[in-house]
């Protein structure tokens, strides 16, 4: 029986395998980053951002109107059953509560900006109140839209909700 003699391996036999492993690791890492970038639940795009950018002059005018009115807004959130009770206080430049306004609010959680919650606020005492279902703890941006006669007030306030 003849014996087959093996040729000794050359010194650089593992280099093609090393380069292939690097290519596979790079492609795998890029795949993981692509998945993470496209499946982030906290990522949000401002609704109608292009229309808002085009109408930026209107936004500046609205901000000037807010300053000229001299009104102020403050808000709190407390637990009310399975929802959060939003309470917004509107005062004029003298600190007198504003009553009789039609008030709406859009509540946006800092870590869940893709799910804004809209709520109509009803007048209750010296403030305006409404319920936000399914609210979770954390920092909220409350975009208030208050109309009283020809006055239109649109402040944005921050509220920390800790049930």
Protein backbone atom coordinates (compact mmCIF):
# COMPACT_ATOMS: atom_id res chain seq x y z
CA UNK A 1 0.00 0.00 0.00
CA UNK A 2 1.33 3.29 -0.98
CA UNK A 3 1.20 6.11 1.37
CA UNK A 4 0.05 9.51 0.21
CA UNK A 5 2.39 12.13 1.31
CA UNK A 6 0.87 15.39 2.38
CA UNK A 7 2.38 18.59 1.38
CA UNK A 8 3.13 20.83 4.34
CA UNK A 9 0.93 23.93 4.49
CA UNK A 10 2.44 27.18 3.44
CA UNK A 11 2.97 29.89 6.04
CA UNK A 12 0.06 32.19 4.96
CA UNK A 13 -2.78 29.67 4.52
CA UNK A 14 -5.04 31.41 7.11
CA UNK A 15 -5.03 34.91 5.56
CA UNK A 16 -7.97 34.34 3.16
CA UNK A 17 -10.02 32.97 6.08
CA UNK A 18 -9.11 35.97 8.25
CA UNK A 19 -10.12 38.46 5.52
CA UNK A 20 -13.40 36.58 4.95
CA UNK A 21 -14.15 36.64 8.69
CA UNK A 22 -13.53 40.40 8.78
CA UNK A 23 -15.90 40.94 5.85
CA UNK A 24 -18.60 38.83 7.49
CA UNK A 25 -18.16 40.67 10.84
CA UNK A 26 -18.35 44.06 9.09
CA UNK A 27 -21.50 43.13 7.17
CA UNK A 28 -23.07 41.69 10.33
CA UNK A 29 -22.27 44.83 12.33
CA UNK A 30 -23.76 47.04 9.63
CA UNK A 31 -26.88 44.88 9.56
CA UNK A 32 -27.28 45.24 13.34
CA UNK A 33 -26.85 49.03 13.14
CA UNK A 34 -29.33 49.26 10.25
CA UNK A 35 -31.90 47.31 12.25
CA UNK A 36 -31.35 49.47 15.36
CA UNK A 37 -31.65 52.68 13.32
CA UNK A 38 -34.92 51.66 11.66
CA UNK A 39 -36.63 50.08 14.69
CA UNK A 40 -36.11 52.76 17.36
CA UNK A 41 -39.46 53.26 19.15
CA UNK A 42 -38.40 56.67 20.51
CA UNK A 43 -37.70 58.13 17.07
CA UNK A 44 -40.27 60.67 15.92
CA UNK A 45 -40.72 63.10 13.08
CA UNK A 46 -42.63 66.33 13.66
CA UNK A 47 -46.00 65.98 11.89
CA UNK A 48 -46.33 68.30 8.86
CA UNK A 49 -42.78 69.54 9.40
CA UNK A 50 -42.48 70.84 5.84
CA UNK A 51 -45.71 72.86 6.07
CA UNK A 52 -44.55 74.26 9.41
CA UNK A 53 -41.19 75.22 7.92
CA UNK A 54 -42.86 76.98 5.00
CA UNK A 55 -45.17 78.82 7.43
CA UNK A 56 -42.35 79.83 9.77
CA UNK A 57 -43.18 83.53 9.35
CA UNK A 58 -46.66 82.78 10.72
CA UNK A 59 -45.07 81.02 13.70
CA UNK A 60 -42.91 84.07 14.42
CA UNK A 61 -46.00 86.32 14.25
CA UNK A 62 -47.87 83.98 16.61
CA UNK A 63 -44.96 84.11 19.07
CA UNK A 64 -45.04 87.92 18.94
CA UNK A 65 -48.80 87.86 19.60
CA UNK A 66 -48.19 85.57 22.59
CA UNK A 67 -45.67 88.05 23.99
CA UNK A 68 -47.99 91.04 23.37
CA UNK A 69 -50.88 89.29 25.14
CA UNK A 70 -48.70 88.83 28.20
CA UNK A 71 -50.55 85.66 29.17
CA UNK A 72 -48.82 82.87 31.02
CA UNK A 73 -49.49 79.14 31.18
CA UNK A 74 -48.59 76.61 33.86
CA UNK A 75 -49.49 72.95 34.01
CA UNK A 76 -49.58 69.93 36.26
CA UNK A 77 -50.36 66.26 35.74
CA UNK A 78 -51.75 64.04 38.48
CA UNK A 79 -53.03 60.49 38.54
CA UNK A 80 -56.75 59.98 38.02
CA UNK A 81 -57.59 56.29 37.84
CA UNK A 82 -55.88 54.76 34.81
CA UNK A 83 -55.38 58.16 33.17
CA UNK A 84 -53.48 61.33 33.95
CA UNK A 85 -55.38 64.49 34.79
CA UNK A 86 -53.87 67.47 32.99
CA UNK A 87 -54.55 70.84 34.58
CA UNK A 88 -53.49 74.02 32.79
CA UNK A 89 -53.75 77.43 34.41
CA UNK A 90 -53.89 80.48 32.15
CA UNK A 91 -53.28 83.93 33.63
CA UNK A 92 -53.07 87.39 32.12
CA UNK A 93 -50.20 89.85 32.61
CA UNK A 94 -51.61 90.91 36.01
CA UNK A 95 -51.83 87.29 37.22
CA UNK A 96 -55.62 87.12 36.97
CA UNK A 97 -56.94 83.72 35.82
CA UNK A 98 -58.38 83.74 32.31
CA UNK A 99 -61.84 82.22 32.06
CA UNK A 100 -64.19 81.46 29.19
CA UNK A 101 -61.50 80.39 26.72
CA UNK A 102 -61.73 77.44 24.36
CA UNK A 103 -58.65 75.36 25.20
CA UNK A 104 -57.12 72.33 23.52
CA UNK A 105 -53.80 70.67 24.27
CA UNK A 106 -51.49 68.24 22.54
CA UNK A 107 -49.42 66.20 25.01
CA UNK A 108 -46.17 64.68 23.76
CA UNK A 109 -44.06 62.41 25.96
CA UNK A 110 -40.35 63.11 25.70
CA UNK A 111 -39.52 59.47 24.84
CA UNK A 112 -42.60 58.76 22.74
CA UNK A 113 -42.83 61.69 20.36
CA UNK A 114 -44.38 59.65 17.59
CA UNK A 115 -47.62 59.31 19.58
CA UNK A 116 -48.96 62.78 20.45
CA UNK A 117 -52.18 62.79 22.47
CA UNK A 118 -54.77 65.48 21.80
CA UNK A 119 -57.20 66.49 24.54
CA UNK A 120 -59.90 69.15 24.90
CA UNK A 121 -59.61 70.97 28.20
CA UNK A 122 -62.75 72.02 30.05
CA UNK A 123 -62.87 74.96 32.40
CA UNK A 124 -62.87 73.90 36.04
CA UNK A 125 -62.48 76.66 38.58
CA UNK A 126 -59.52 78.87 37.77
CA UNK A 127 -57.97 76.34 35.39
CA UNK A 128 -58.67 74.03 32.45
CA UNK A 129 -58.63 70.26 32.91
CA UNK A 130 -58.75 67.10 30.85
CA UNK A 131 -57.79 63.43 31.01
CA UNK A 132 -54.91 61.86 29.11
CA UNK A 133 -55.50 58.10 28.83
CA UNK A 134 -52.52 55.78 29.05
CA UNK A 135 -50.06 58.46 30.15
CA UNK A 136 -46.78 57.16 31.52
CA UNK A 137 -44.30 58.79 33.84
CA UNK A 138 -41.70 61.23 32.62
CA UNK A 139 -41.33 64.62 31.00
CA UNK A 140 -44.18 65.82 28.77
CA UNK A 141 -44.39 68.73 26.36
CA UNK A 142 -47.85 70.28 26.46
CA UNK A 143 -48.73 72.43 23.44
CA UNK A 144 -51.67 74.57 24.50
CA UNK A 145 -54.04 76.28 22.06
CA UNK A 146 -56.30 78.79 23.83
CA UNK A 147 -58.80 81.04 22.04
CA UNK A 148 -60.73 83.80 23.80
CA UNK A 149 -62.58 86.16 21.47
CA UNK A 150 -59.97 87.43 19.00
CA UNK A 151 -57.06 86.48 21.29
CA UNK A 152 -55.19 83.33 20.35
CA UNK A 153 -52.56 82.04 22.79
CA UNK A 154 -50.27 79.10 21.89
CA UNK A 155 -47.70 78.39 24.58
CA UNK A 156 -45.66 75.23 24.99
CA UNK A 157 -44.99 74.09 28.56
CA UNK A 158 -43.08 71.20 30.12
CA UNK A 159 -44.67 69.04 32.78
CA UNK A 160 -43.00 66.26 34.78
CA UNK A 161 -45.49 63.47 35.47
CA UNK A 162 -44.66 61.04 38.24
CA UNK A 163 -47.68 58.95 39.25
